[in-house]
Amino acid sequence: MIEELIIKNFKLFKEEAHVPLSRINLLTGINGRGKSTVLQTLLLMKQSPDHDRTTNKIIFNGSCIRLGGYKDVKNIESNENIELSFSIL
C-alpha cells in the first residue's frame, strides 16, 4: 500500500509536498488547492510503468490520463524538474 505521495514542481506544487495516504482517503478543499493534482499523480504513477517498465520517465499521455506536454504540467515558477515519488508500507 502507498503510504505517502511526494510531489514537487508538478502543477501547483512548487515545493516538495508530502501527501499522506491510508486505506480510505477523502480529498476536500476549495478549488485550486491540488485535489485533482494528487489524483493525477496517482494515475501517472500507474500509467508510466504500464507504458514501459524499464524507464524512469513520466508518461504524460497514455491509457489512464492525458495531460499534454511537460510545459503544460511543470510548475511555472520553478526551474527544476518535476519529481513524483511514493513511499510504501
C-alpha atoms as a PDB file:
ATOM      1  CA  MET A   1       0.000   0.000   0.000  1.00  0.00           C
ATOM      2  CA  ILE A   2       1.204   3.512  -0.794  1.00  0.00           C
ATOM      3  CA  GLU A   3       1.741   5.344   2.467  1.00  0.00           C
ATOM      4  CA  GLU A   4       2.710   8.771   1.109  1.00  0.00           C
ATOM      5  CA  LEU A   5       2.974  10.661  -2.204  1.00  0.00           C
ATOM      6  CA  ILE A   6       5.771  13.154  -2.716  1.00  0.00           C
ATOM      7  CA  ILE A   7       5.106  15.796  -5.369  1.00  0.00           C
ATOM      8  CA  LYS A   8       7.466  18.566  -6.451  1.00  0.00           C
ATOM      9  CA  ASN A   9       7.264  21.078  -9.333  1.00  0.00           C
ATOM     10  CA  PHE A  10       4.109  19.446 -10.688  1.00  0.00           C
ATOM     11  CA  LYS A  11       1.267  21.838 -11.435  1.00  0.00           C
ATOM     12  CA  LEU A  12       0.609  23.983  -8.346  1.00  0.00           C
ATOM     13  CA  PHE A  13       3.093  22.068  -6.134  1.00  0.00           C
ATOM     14  CA  LYS A  14       6.313  24.099  -6.451  1.00  0.00           C
ATOM     15  CA  GLU A  15       7.859  22.990  -3.169  1.00  0.00           C
ATOM     16  CA  GLU A  16       8.059  19.357  -2.159  1.00  0.00           C
ATOM     17  CA  ALA A  17       4.655  18.285  -0.814  1.00  0.00           C
ATOM     18  CA  HIS A  18       4.128  15.144   1.230  1.00  0.00           C
ATOM     19  CA  VAL A  19       0.601  13.760   0.914  1.00  0.00           C
ATOM     20  CA  PRO A  20      -0.138  11.055   3.497  1.00  0.00           C
ATOM     21  CA  LEU A  21      -2.407   8.235   2.316  1.00  0.00           C
ATOM     22  CA  SER A  22      -4.271   5.466   4.076  1.00  0.00           C
ATOM     23  CA  ARG A  23      -6.657   2.688   3.053  1.00  0.00           C
ATOM     24  CA  ILE A  24      -9.516   5.210   2.660  1.00  0.00           C
ATOM     25  CA  ASN A  25      -8.822   8.814   1.655  1.00  0.00           C
ATOM     26  CA  LEU A  26     -11.046  11.843   1.291  1.00  0.00           C
ATOM     27  CA  LEU A  27      -9.712  14.865  -0.581  1.00  0.00           C
ATOM     28  CA  THR A  28     -11.516  18.067   0.312  1.00  0.00           C
ATOM     29  CA  GLY A  29     -10.846  21.758  -0.028  1.00  0.00           C
ATOM     30  CA  ILE A  30     -11.599  24.824  -2.070  1.00  0.00           C
ATOM     31  CA  ASN A  31     -10.886  24.974  -5.783  1.00  0.00           C
ATOM     32  CA  GLY A  32      -7.284  25.280  -6.907  1.00  0.00           C
ATOM     33  CA  ARG A  33      -5.649  23.584  -3.925  1.00  0.00           C
ATOM     34  CA  GLY A  34      -4.376  20.398  -5.595  1.00  0.00           C
ATOM     35  CA  LYS A  35      -7.038  17.716  -5.132  1.00  0.00           C
ATOM     36  CA  SER A  36      -7.087  16.819  -8.834  1.00  0.00           C
ATOM     37  CA  THR A  37      -3.296  17.032  -8.996  1.00  0.00           C
ATOM     38  CA  VAL A  38      -3.000  14.381  -6.277  1.00  0.00           C
ATOM     39  CA  LEU A  39      -5.314  12.090  -8.253  1.00  0.00           C
ATOM     40  CA  GLN A  40      -3.423  12.826 -11.482  1.00  0.00           C
ATOM     41  CA  THR A  41      -0.171  11.929  -9.727  1.00  0.00           C
ATOM     42  CA  LEU A  42      -1.550   8.513  -8.812  1.00  0.00           C
ATOM     43  CA  LEU A  43      -2.704   7.963 -12.392  1.00  0.00           C
ATOM     44  CA  LEU A  44       0.711   8.972 -13.766  1.00  0.00           C
ATOM     45  CA  MET A  45       2.431   6.597 -11.379  1.00  0.00           C
ATOM     46  CA  LYS A  46       0.285   3.765 -12.717  1.00  0.00           C
ATOM     47  CA  GLN A  47       0.397   4.801 -16.357  1.00  0.00           C
ATOM     48  CA  SER A  48       4.146   5.351 -16.693  1.00  0.00           C
ATOM     49  CA  PRO A  49       5.344   1.836 -15.745  1.00  0.00           C
ATOM     50  CA  ASP A  50       2.416   0.296 -17.635  1.00  0.00           C
ATOM     51  CA  HIS A  51       3.748   2.029 -20.759  1.00  0.00           C
ATOM     52  CA  ASP A  52       7.387   0.973 -20.246  1.00  0.00           C
ATOM     53  CA  ARG A  53       8.617  -0.859 -17.138  1.00  0.00           C
ATOM     54  CA  THR A  54      12.266  -0.120 -17.942  1.00  0.00           C
ATOM     55  CA  THR A  55      12.045   3.679 -17.886  1.00  0.00           C
ATOM     56  CA  ASN A  56      12.084   6.208 -15.075  1.00  0.00           C
ATOM     57  CA  LYS A  57      10.304   8.807 -17.225  1.00  0.00           C
ATOM     58  CA  ILE A  58       6.834  10.124 -16.563  1.00  0.00           C
ATOM     59  CA  ILE A  59       4.403   9.388 -19.396  1.00  0.00           C
ATOM     60  CA  PHE A  60       2.019  12.368 -19.500  1.00  0.00           C
ATOM     61  CA  ASN A  61      -0.258  10.968 -22.210  1.00  0.00           C
ATOM     62  CA  GLY A  62      -1.362   7.359 -22.068  1.00  0.00           C
ATOM     63  CA  SER A  63      -4.171   4.966 -21.275  1.00  0.00           C
ATOM     64  CA  CYS A  64      -5.102   6.465 -17.867  1.00  0.00           C
ATOM     65  CA  ILE A  65      -4.724  10.217 -18.356  1.00  0.00           C
ATOM     66  CA  ARG A  66      -3.736  12.794 -20.968  1.00  0.00           C
ATOM     67  CA  LEU A  67      -2.123  15.954 -19.600  1.00  0.00           C
ATOM     68  CA  GLY A  68      -0.409  17.439 -22.651  1.00  0.00           C
ATOM     69  CA  GLY A  69       3.309  18.205 -22.622  1.00  0.00           C
ATOM     70  CA  TYR A  70       5.937  18.813 -19.966  1.00  0.00           C
ATOM     71  CA  LYS A  71       5.476  22.583 -20.137  1.00  0.00           C
ATOM     72  CA  ASP A  72       1.745  22.149 -19.526  1.00  0.00           C
ATOM     73  CA  VAL A  73       2.220  20.435 -16.156  1.00  0.00           C
ATOM     74  CA  LYS A  74       5.529  21.780 -14.779  1.00  0.00           C
ATOM     75  CA  ASN A  75       5.152  24.451 -12.135  1.00  0.00           C
ATOM     76  CA  ILE A  76       5.706  27.747 -13.982  1.00  0.00           C
ATOM     77  CA  GLU A  77       7.541  29.374 -11.065  1.00  0.00           C
ATOM     78  CA  SER A  78      10.240  26.705 -10.838  1.00  0.00           C
ATOM     79  CA  ASN A  79      13.292  25.953 -12.963  1.00  0.00           C
ATOM     80  CA  GLU A  80      13.684  22.462 -11.516  1.00  0.00           C
ATOM     81  CA  ASN A  81      12.379  19.172 -12.913  1.00  0.00           C
ATOM     82  CA  ILE A  82       9.149  17.510 -11.866  1.00  0.00           C
ATOM     83  CA  GLU A  83       9.630  14.912  -9.144  1.00  0.00           C
ATOM     84  CA  LEU A  84       6.974  12.342  -8.262  1.00  0.00           C
ATOM     85  CA  SER A  85       7.650   9.558  -5.806  1.00  0.00           C
ATOM     86  CA  PHE A  86       5.978   7.498  -3.121  1.00  0.00           C
ATOM     87  CA  SER A  87       6.726   5.510  -0.022  1.00  0.00           C
ATOM     88  CA  ILE A  88       5.137   2.165   0.678  1.00  0.00           C
ATOM     89  CA  LEU A  89       4.418   0.141   3.780  1.00  0.00           C
END
